[in-house]
Protein backbone atom coordinates (compact mmCIF):
# COMPACT_ATOMS: atom_id res chain seq x y z
CA MET A 1 107.02 76.14 80.25
CA ALA A 2 105.86 74.41 83.43
CA GLN A 3 109.33 72.37 83.87
CA GLU A 4 111.45 75.81 83.55
CA LEU A 5 109.11 77.72 86.37
CA LYS A 6 110.04 74.79 88.80
CA THR A 7 113.56 74.37 88.03
CA THR A 8 114.62 78.15 87.60
CA THR A 9 112.13 79.74 90.67
CA ALA A 10 113.64 79.88 93.68
CA LYS A 11 110.68 79.53 95.61
CA THR A 12 110.31 81.45 98.81
CA LYS A 13 107.54 81.21 101.50
CA ALA A 14 106.73 84.10 102.78
CA ALA A 15 107.43 83.94 107.14
CA SER A 16 104.36 85.15 108.81
CA THR A 17 102.13 84.07 111.40
CA ALA A 18 99.29 83.80 109.02
CA ASP A 19 99.99 82.70 105.45
CA PHE A 20 97.79 83.55 102.53
CA GLY A 21 99.68 81.42 100.09
CA ARG A 22 103.48 81.14 98.11
CA VAL A 23 104.66 83.23 96.03
CA ASP A 24 107.49 82.38 93.86
CA VAL A 25 110.19 84.84 94.15
CA VAL A 26 112.94 84.68 91.15
CA ALA A 27 116.35 85.30 93.22
CA THR A 28 118.92 87.40 91.01
CA GLU A 29 121.33 84.60 90.98
CA HIS A 30 118.81 82.30 88.88
CA ARG A 31 117.79 84.99 86.63
CA HIS A 32 119.15 84.01 83.15
CA MET A 33 117.12 85.48 80.78
CA SER A 34 119.25 88.57 78.45
CA ASN A 35 118.59 90.95 76.90
CA TRP A 36 118.22 88.76 73.38
CA ASP A 37 115.73 86.00 75.24
CA LEU A 38 113.14 88.89 75.83
CA PHE A 39 113.08 90.39 72.93
CA ALA A 40 113.17 87.36 70.90
CA THR A 41 109.88 85.82 73.48
CA TRP A 42 108.54 89.29 72.30
CA ILE A 43 109.32 88.99 68.91
CA GLY A 44 107.17 85.50 69.66
CA ALA A 45 104.33 86.33 71.35
CA ASN A 46 103.09 88.69 68.79
CA ALA A 47 104.66 86.52 65.50
CA ASN A 48 101.28 84.38 65.37
CA ASN A 49 98.08 84.07 63.48
CA GLY A 50 96.22 85.98 65.72
CA THR A 51 98.29 89.31 65.25
CA TRP A 52 97.61 88.45 61.57
CA TYR A 53 93.96 87.94 61.94
CA ILE A 54 93.82 91.67 64.08
CA GLY A 55 95.38 93.70 61.15
CA GLY A 56 93.00 91.76 58.40
CA VAL A 57 90.22 93.05 60.71
CA ILE A 58 91.47 96.83 60.59
CA ALA A 59 91.79 96.40 57.37
CA ALA A 60 88.29 98.09 57.14
CA CYS A 61 89.42 101.33 58.09
CA GLY A 62 91.40 101.31 54.60
CA PHE A 63 95.43 100.92 54.71
CA LEU A 64 96.09 104.72 55.61
CA THR A 65 94.28 104.48 59.04
CA ALA A 66 94.54 101.08 59.66
CA SER A 67 98.73 101.59 59.33
CA THR A 68 98.39 105.08 61.40
CA THR A 69 96.37 103.48 63.99
CA LEU A 70 98.23 100.47 64.29
CA VAL A 71 101.75 102.31 64.79
CA VAL A 72 100.34 104.83 67.49
CA VAL A 73 98.73 102.21 69.14
CA GLY A 74 101.38 99.71 69.22
CA LEU A 75 103.69 102.31 71.21
CA ILE A 76 101.49 103.83 73.54
CA SER A 77 100.56 99.91 74.69
CA TYR A 78 103.85 98.49 74.55
CA ALA A 79 105.23 101.49 76.42
CA LEU A 80 103.21 100.18 79.65
CA LEU A 81 104.25 96.66 79.21
CA ALA A 82 107.77 97.63 79.39
CA VAL A 83 107.26 99.79 82.49
CA ALA A 84 104.99 96.78 83.48
CA SER A 85 107.74 94.49 82.75
CA TYR A 86 110.33 96.41 85.13
CA MET A 87 108.09 95.63 88.19
CA GLY A 88 109.27 91.96 87.45
CA TYR A 89 112.32 92.66 87.00
CA GLN A 90 112.50 94.93 90.40
CA THR A 91 110.81 92.42 92.42
CA GLY A 92 111.26 88.79 91.07
CA LEU A 93 107.11 88.39 90.91
CA PRO A 94 104.73 86.89 88.69
CA ALA A 95 102.24 89.23 87.40
CA MET A 96 99.20 88.34 89.14
CA ALA A 97 100.58 87.89 92.77
CA LEU A 98 101.96 91.83 92.09
CA THR A 99 98.27 92.55 92.15
CA ARG A 100 98.15 91.55 95.51
CA ALA A 101 99.84 94.53 96.67
CA SER A 102 97.19 96.98 95.08
CA PHE A 103 93.95 95.03 94.99
CA GLY A 104 94.64 93.15 98.08
CA LEU A 105 95.50 89.34 98.87
CA ARG A 106 92.00 88.91 97.87
CA GLY A 107 91.23 91.26 96.16
CA SER A 108 93.65 90.23 93.26
CA TYR A 109 91.53 87.48 92.47
CA ILE A 110 89.65 90.41 90.38
CA PRO A 111 92.84 90.66 88.36
CA SER A 112 93.45 86.83 87.94
CA LEU A 113 90.06 86.19 87.33
CA ILE A 114 90.13 88.53 84.01
CA ASN A 115 93.44 87.34 82.85
CA VAL A 116 92.08 83.64 83.53
CA VAL A 117 89.05 84.70 81.03
CA GLN A 118 91.26 86.28 78.78
CA PHE A 119 93.94 84.15 77.86
CA ILE A 120 91.54 81.21 77.78
CA GLY A 121 89.96 83.16 74.84
CA TRP A 122 92.77 83.93 73.32
CA ALA A 123 93.80 80.04 73.47
CA ALA A 124 90.33 79.63 71.77
CA VAL A 125 91.25 82.51 69.21
CA ASN A 126 94.06 80.64 67.93
CA THR A 127 92.27 76.87 67.90
CA PHE A 128 89.85 78.45 65.89
CA ILE A 129 92.10 79.86 63.35
CA ALA A 130 93.93 76.73 63.22
CA ALA A 131 90.88 74.58 63.31
CA THR A 132 89.63 76.37 59.84
CA SER A 133 93.10 76.10 58.03
CA ILE A 134 92.50 72.01 59.17
CA SER A 135 88.77 72.45 57.33
CA TYR A 136 90.63 73.26 54.61
CA ILE A 137 93.51 71.12 54.69
CA PHE A 138 90.86 68.11 54.86
CA SER A 139 88.56 69.47 52.05
CA GLU A 140 91.93 68.81 49.69
CA LEU A 141 92.49 65.49 51.07
CA PHE A 142 88.84 63.80 51.42
CA GLY A 143 86.78 66.36 49.33
CA TRP A 144 84.88 67.51 52.94
CA PRO A 145 82.84 71.34 52.77
CA VAL A 146 85.29 73.78 54.34
CA TYR A 147 83.73 75.64 56.83
CA GLY A 148 81.49 78.44 55.56
CA LYS A 149 80.12 75.94 53.75
CA PRO A 150 76.84 73.96 53.86
CA GLY A 151 78.69 71.20 56.09
CA GLY A 152 81.54 72.46 57.14
CA ASN A 153 81.21 72.74 60.57
CA LEU A 154 82.52 68.89 60.65
CA GLY A 155 85.87 69.79 59.85
CA LEU A 156 85.88 72.66 61.92
CA ILE A 157 84.96 70.32 64.67
CA VAL A 158 87.12 67.55 64.82
CA GLY A 159 90.28 70.47 63.76
CA ILE A 160 89.30 71.80 67.33
CA LEU A 161 89.78 68.67 68.53
CA ILE A 162 92.89 67.47 67.14
CA MET A 163 94.25 71.51 68.40
CA SER A 164 93.08 70.11 71.81
CA VAL A 165 95.37 67.05 71.76
CA LEU A 166 98.12 69.15 70.84
CA HIS A 167 97.78 71.36 73.46
CA LEU A 168 97.69 68.91 75.69
CA LEU A 169 100.21 67.21 74.35
CA SER A 170 102.92 70.25 74.16
CA ILE A 171 101.65 70.48 77.65
CA SER A 172 102.66 67.04 79.09
CA LEU A 173 105.82 66.51 76.86
CA GLY A 174 107.24 69.66 79.37
CA GLU A 175 108.73 72.18 78.56
CA ARG A 176 111.95 71.01 76.19
CA SER A 177 109.54 69.92 73.55
CA VAL A 178 107.44 73.16 73.73
CA ARG A 179 110.90 75.17 73.30
CA LEU A 180 111.87 73.18 70.60
CA ILE A 181 108.35 73.63 68.68
CA GLU A 182 108.36 77.14 69.20
CA ARG A 183 111.93 77.59 67.62
CA ILE A 184 110.58 75.31 65.18
CA GLY A 185 107.31 77.21 64.98
CA ILE A 186 109.01 81.14 64.05
CA ILE A 187 111.48 79.84 61.38
CA LEU A 188 108.17 78.53 59.81
CA VAL A 189 106.18 81.49 60.24
CA VAL A 190 108.71 83.75 59.10
CA VAL A 191 109.42 81.56 55.58
CA PHE A 192 105.51 81.35 55.38
CA VAL A 193 104.94 85.30 55.77
CA LEU A 194 107.82 86.30 53.10
CA TRP A 195 106.22 83.38 51.03
CA GLU A 196 102.57 85.22 51.38
CA SER A 197 104.33 88.36 50.82
CA VAL A 198 105.62 87.66 47.53
CA VAL A 199 102.45 86.24 46.34
CA VAL A 200 100.33 89.57 47.17
CA PHE A 201 102.64 91.87 45.41
CA ARG A 202 103.21 89.85 42.52
CA THR A 203 99.10 89.97 42.11
CA VAL A 204 98.34 93.45 43.74
CA SER A 205 101.12 96.62 43.85
CA PHE A 206 101.54 98.66 46.91
CA SER A 207 99.66 101.77 45.59
CA GLU A 208 96.37 99.74 44.73
CA ILE A 209 96.52 98.48 48.46
CA VAL A 210 97.11 102.01 49.87
CA SER A 211 94.28 103.51 47.81
CA TRP A 212 91.98 100.97 48.55
CA GLN A 213 88.68 101.54 50.49
CA PRO A 214 86.64 99.16 51.81
CA PRO A 215 82.49 99.35 50.74
CA HIS A 216 80.97 101.79 53.25
CA ASN A 217 78.53 99.68 55.14
CA LEU A 218 81.73 97.93 56.41
CA LYS A 219 84.06 100.97 57.25
CA MET A 220 85.60 100.77 60.19
CA THR A 221 86.83 104.03 62.14
CA SER A 222 89.76 105.17 63.87
CA GLY A 223 88.17 105.10 67.01
CA VAL A 224 86.78 101.41 66.91
CA ALA A 225 90.42 100.32 64.97
CA ALA A 226 91.78 102.10 68.66
CA ASP A 227 90.12 100.36 71.10
CA THR A 228 90.60 96.68 69.43
CA LEU A 229 94.04 96.90 68.85
CA ALA A 230 94.36 98.33 72.68
CA ALA A 231 92.75 95.42 73.69
CA PHE A 232 94.90 93.37 71.57
CA ASN A 233 97.88 94.84 72.68
CA LEU A 234 97.20 95.59 76.41
CA ALA A 235 96.52 91.40 77.07
CA TRP A 236 100.32 91.41 77.02
CA VAL A 237 100.65 93.91 79.46
CA THR A 238 99.65 91.67 82.66
CA ALA A 239 101.47 89.06 81.72
CA ALA A 240 104.77 90.96 81.53
CA SER A 241 105.94 90.25 84.72
CA ASP A 242 105.79 86.45 84.12
CA PHE A 243 108.93 86.80 81.99
CA SER A 244 110.78 89.78 83.39
CA ARG A 245 111.45 88.45 86.42
CA PHE A 246 113.82 85.84 84.64
CA THR A 247 116.32 88.18 84.05
CA ALA A 248 118.90 90.36 85.81
CA LYS A 249 119.15 93.22 83.38
CA LYS A 250 116.99 96.23 83.36
CA SER A 251 117.44 97.19 79.95
CA ALA A 252 116.44 93.37 78.75
CA ALA A 253 113.04 94.07 80.81
CA THR A 254 112.34 97.56 79.37
CA THR A 255 113.70 98.53 76.15
CA ALA A 256 114.01 95.04 74.72
CA SER A 257 110.39 94.11 75.51
CA PHE A 258 109.77 97.04 74.00
CA LEU A 259 111.41 96.62 70.93
CA GLY A 260 110.62 92.94 70.42
CA ALA A 261 106.82 93.09 70.76
CA ASN A 262 106.25 96.37 68.40
CA LEU A 263 108.57 94.52 65.93
CA GLY A 264 106.56 91.38 65.88
CA LEU A 265 102.90 93.16 66.32
CA PHE A 266 104.02 95.68 63.22
CA TRP A 267 106.18 92.59 61.42
CA PHE A 268 102.53 90.30 61.73
CA ALA A 269 99.93 92.66 61.73
CA PHE A 270 100.71 94.63 58.62
CA ILE A 271 101.30 91.32 56.47
CA GLY A 272 97.53 90.61 57.50
CA LEU A 273 96.65 93.89 56.21
CA PHE A 274 98.27 93.47 53.25
CA ALA A 275 97.05 89.89 52.64
CA THR A 276 93.58 90.69 53.35
CA ILE A 277 93.48 93.92 51.43
CA GLY A 278 95.20 92.28 48.18
CA THR A 279 92.66 89.84 48.63
CA ALA A 280 89.98 92.36 48.55
CA VAL A 281 91.14 94.14 45.36
CA THR A 282 92.29 90.81 43.70
CA LEU A 283 88.85 89.29 44.05
CA ASN A 284 87.05 92.73 43.49
CA HIS A 285 85.05 91.38 46.97
CA PHE A 286 85.91 92.45 50.54
CA ASP A 287 84.26 90.20 53.72
CA PRO A 288 85.71 91.06 56.63
CA ASN A 289 84.46 87.64 58.32
CA ASN A 290 86.76 86.33 55.99
CA SER A 291 90.19 88.08 57.45
CA ASP A 292 91.12 85.16 59.15
CA PRO A 293 94.99 83.67 57.81
CA SER A 294 93.33 80.20 56.78
CA THR A 295 90.55 81.76 54.66
CA VAL A 296 92.88 84.45 53.29
CA ALA A 297 95.80 81.88 52.32
CA ALA A 298 92.95 79.69 50.82
CA LYS A 299 92.08 82.36 48.90
CA LEU A 300 95.33 83.31 47.70
CA GLY A 301 96.11 79.78 46.59
CA LEU A 302 98.98 79.26 48.82
CA GLY A 303 98.28 75.27 49.54
CA LEU A 304 98.24 72.82 51.91
CA LEU A 305 101.96 73.63 53.14
CA ALA A 306 101.14 77.19 54.27
CA LEU A 307 97.58 75.64 56.30
CA LEU A 308 100.00 73.28 58.37
CA VAL A 309 102.37 76.19 59.29
CA ILE A 310 99.25 77.88 60.60
CA VAL A 311 98.07 74.81 62.16
CA LEU A 312 101.94 74.84 63.56
CA THR A 313 102.16 78.51 65.07
CA SER A 314 98.69 78.51 66.59
CA THR A 315 99.96 75.63 68.91
CA THR A 316 103.10 77.74 69.56
CA ALA A 317 101.19 80.84 70.34
CA ASN A 318 98.96 78.93 72.98
CA ALA A 319 102.05 77.59 74.96
CA VAL A 320 102.21 81.48 75.97
CA ASN A 321 98.74 81.89 76.02
CA LEU A 322 97.83 78.78 78.63
CA MET A 323 100.86 79.30 80.75
CA SER A 324 99.37 82.81 81.51
CA ALA A 325 96.06 81.43 81.89
CA GLY A 326 97.71 78.75 84.15
CA SER A 327 99.91 80.86 86.00
CA ALA A 328 96.69 83.84 87.03
CA LEU A 329 94.24 80.31 88.11
CA THR A 330 97.27 79.17 90.67
CA ASN A 331 97.00 82.76 92.38
CA MET A 332 93.09 81.83 92.71
CA VAL A 333 93.89 78.42 93.73
CA HIS A 334 96.93 78.06 95.80
CA ARG A 335 96.07 74.14 96.18
CA LEU A 336 96.41 73.17 92.12
CA SER A 337 99.29 72.61 91.13
CA LEU A 338 100.99 74.59 87.61
CA ASN A 339 100.29 71.53 85.52
CA VAL A 340 97.08 70.67 86.67
CA SER A 341 95.55 74.45 86.41
CA LEU A 342 97.19 73.61 82.54
CA TRP A 343 94.92 70.71 82.09
CA LEU A 344 92.19 72.74 82.97
CA VAL A 345 92.55 76.02 81.39
CA THR A 346 92.93 74.06 78.18
CA LEU A 347 89.72 72.03 78.75
CA VAL A 348 87.90 75.16 79.28
CA ALA A 349 89.65 76.75 76.11
CA THR A 350 88.40 73.81 73.88
CA LEU A 351 84.87 74.38 75.02
CA VAL A 352 84.93 78.29 74.25
CA THR A 353 85.82 77.46 71.08
CA PHE A 354 82.94 75.93 70.07
CA ILE A 355 80.71 79.34 70.77
CA PRO A 356 81.42 80.74 67.23
CA VAL A 357 80.32 77.30 66.09
CA TYR A 358 77.03 77.53 67.11
CA LEU A 359 76.49 80.91 68.79
CA ALA A 360 77.56 83.76 66.11
CA SER A 361 80.09 84.61 63.15
CA PHE A 362 83.94 84.03 64.39
CA LEU A 363 84.21 87.84 63.86
CA ASP A 364 81.44 88.90 65.57
CA VAL A 365 82.12 86.72 68.86
CA PHE A 366 85.89 87.95 68.38
CA GLU A 367 84.99 91.78 68.01
CA THR A 368 83.04 91.13 70.85
CA PHE A 369 85.97 89.33 73.61
CA LEU A 370 88.05 92.15 72.89
CA ASP A 371 85.86 94.67 73.86
CA GLY A 372 85.32 92.92 76.94
CA ILE A 373 89.07 93.20 77.35
CA GLY A 374 89.67 96.41 76.54
CA MET A 375 87.03 97.40 79.40
CA PHE A 376 88.25 95.38 82.13
CA LEU A 377 91.77 95.07 81.45
CA GLY A 378 92.75 98.80 81.04
CA PRO A 379 91.48 100.02 84.24
CA GLU A 380 93.02 96.85 86.12
CA ILE A 381 96.48 97.43 84.63
CA ALA A 382 96.36 101.39 85.40
CA ILE A 383 95.80 100.73 89.05
CA PHE A 384 98.65 98.35 89.29
CA LEU A 385 100.74 100.93 87.25
CA VAL A 386 99.71 103.44 90.09
CA ASP A 387 100.27 101.42 92.42
CA PHE A 388 103.98 100.84 92.19
CA PHE A 389 105.17 103.47 90.44
CA TRP A 390 103.43 106.80 91.99
CA LEU A 391 102.11 105.79 95.27
CA LYS A 392 104.64 102.69 96.39
CA GLY A 393 107.61 104.50 95.01
CA LYS A 394 108.85 101.36 92.86
CA HIS A 395 109.79 99.35 95.82
CA TYR A 396 107.25 96.38 97.50
CA HIS A 397 107.75 94.55 100.74
CA ILE A 398 107.83 90.97 99.74
CA SER A 399 106.78 89.53 102.76
CA GLU A 400 103.78 91.08 103.03
CA PHE A 401 102.77 89.21 99.90
CA THR A 402 101.34 86.38 102.06
CA LYS A 403 100.64 88.08 105.36
CA VAL A 404 97.32 87.73 106.61
CA HIS A 405 96.63 91.26 108.63
CA GLY A 406 100.02 92.52 106.69
CA ALA A 407 100.40 95.63 104.84
CA TYR A 408 98.51 94.12 101.27
CA TRP A 409 95.41 92.95 103.32
CA TYR A 410 93.72 96.22 103.58
CA ARG A 411 90.19 95.28 104.56
CA HIS A 412 89.46 91.72 104.84
CA GLY A 413 92.05 91.04 102.57
CA VAL A 414 90.84 93.53 100.11
CA ASN A 415 91.36 96.87 98.80
CA TRP A 416 88.30 98.35 98.56
CA VAL A 417 89.36 101.27 96.72
CA ALA A 418 91.15 99.53 94.10
CA VAL A 419 87.77 97.78 93.35
CA ALA A 420 85.96 100.74 93.24
CA SER A 421 88.58 102.83 90.76
CA TRP A 422 88.37 99.33 89.13
CA GLY A 423 84.30 99.45 88.89
CA LEU A 424 84.36 103.20 87.99
CA GLY A 425 87.22 102.82 85.06
CA VAL A 426 84.57 100.07 83.28
CA VAL A 427 81.79 102.36 83.79
CA ALA A 428 84.00 105.40 82.11
CA TYR A 429 85.17 103.14 79.31
CA TRP A 430 81.38 102.09 78.95
CA GLY A 431 80.29 105.76 78.93
CA LEU A 432 82.86 106.72 76.85
CA LYS A 433 81.95 104.25 74.11
CA GLN A 434 78.44 106.28 73.74
CA VAL A 435 80.01 109.55 73.02
CA PRO A 436 80.62 109.41 69.06
CA VAL A 437 83.31 112.09 68.71
CA ILE A 438 85.35 109.84 71.00
CA ALA A 439 83.99 106.16 69.99
CA THR A 440 85.09 106.99 66.60
CA THR A 441 88.00 108.97 66.83
CA VAL A 442 90.59 108.09 69.42
CA GLY A 443 88.93 105.20 71.57
CA ALA A 444 87.65 104.71 74.68
CA THR A 445 90.69 102.65 76.09
CA PHE A 446 93.19 104.93 76.85
CA ILE A 447 90.81 108.05 78.19
CA ALA A 448 89.76 105.47 80.04
CA MET A 449 92.75 104.38 81.93
CA ALA A 450 93.81 108.01 82.73
CA ILE A 451 90.23 108.60 84.75
CA THR A 452 90.79 105.05 86.59
CA ALA A 453 94.43 106.11 87.40
CA VAL A 454 93.38 109.52 88.39
CA ILE A 455 90.42 107.83 90.48
CA TYR A 456 92.83 105.05 92.28
CA ALA A 457 95.70 107.49 93.17
CA VAL A 458 93.09 110.50 94.97
CA GLY A 459 90.91 107.50 96.43
CA MET A 460 94.47 106.19 98.21
CA ARG A 461 95.74 109.37 98.84
CA PHE A 462 92.68 110.37 100.79
CA THR A 463 91.97 106.78 102.46
CA GLN A 464 95.55 105.46 103.21
CA PRO A 465 98.24 108.20 103.34
CA ALA A 466 100.39 106.13 105.76
CA LYS A 467 100.97 103.39 104.10
CA THR A 468 100.99 104.64 100.50
CA LYS A 469 103.29 108.00 101.66
CA THR A 470 106.45 105.44 103.01
CA PRO A 471 107.96 103.00 100.49
CA THR A 472 109.02 99.49 101.73
CA GLN A 473 112.15 98.25 100.27
CA ALA A 474 111.54 95.46 98.03
């Protein structure tokens, strides 16, 4: 992945008297990603164990509420991904570099830090799921206790270390090996989910799945499900430009990305939903802590091959997560090369993976993580979308992205209107979560984003009318 960026990106250092750091602009002649490439990229981004797990988590709503919420939130979230993807197509810039225009050159450290944290978190989530599979594999091969049983932490810890080594190897071996692993992984995971579907529907009918309801004390409301799904989906919106800047086709950046992301989401989240409910019906017992793919596969009796597929697909999913985290880190620390950044975020992700082992259950940590993502990411996305599409007329002046005291320097390198709007958006999200009629029905995420968008647009119109009314050519 790192080599691909080095070989296909035209590195353009903006000419200025005081340079803030490079921005890598992909020139039109170097853009070779087709509609199919973007479509497949976003299917692959969601065709993984994390998406399967999120489907298992929202099973606590019951099938009808979960499926309706899944579709509605997916369509809204990936419409935002499509327009964010257009920004990369239009400018040729990576996602976190683009936030320099709205947050300021130094202010862009805020969204960059959020991205580093959230993609490290997603890498840890996938690593933990895979490590759980490895603990089941060790149980089958050596008789070790599985994770969740007395003494089961040993297999999990060894699994985490094995996954971390695999991640470091995939980074070290370069883009071609990662691409090969991803292609093999997609084929295997497709076979796996089809196999799982056959196993589920052999033992449980579709009508039983539709009519099943979780125990009252474990039931999740539609509002909580909406916020959970929104946080899961919006994570990709902040990385959209990292991929769309490699295409010269507007339809690839927008339509293909939208369709691919939704197809991957619906496909794998519904598999997780079916499998989790099917397992609950079969065993006459539902525990949301056992919604992860490894535990469900083991309970369905899918065997070692299924667990190995989970391990492989976790590795491929993390190639994207770690790349996005590394890219965001380089926007913050310009002296770090992308390869060094990738190693750093991988090592940190390994440490983060141990949090559920010692502090709380994986589900508790996962839900807290998602709540934090929704609270911080939503307002950030609202700001950079409003800035580009409304205030700047879909045009950014590329040479200003590195220029101290230039158009995007604002005050000491920070657009304090954006920072204040982001902070108020975070407060709005938290406040809305305290309103039961909102928190339990539609959720707080999209309302908080709308509030943030209005605050930022009004604030910029009143404080910097000259800069926001005159668009500049990209």
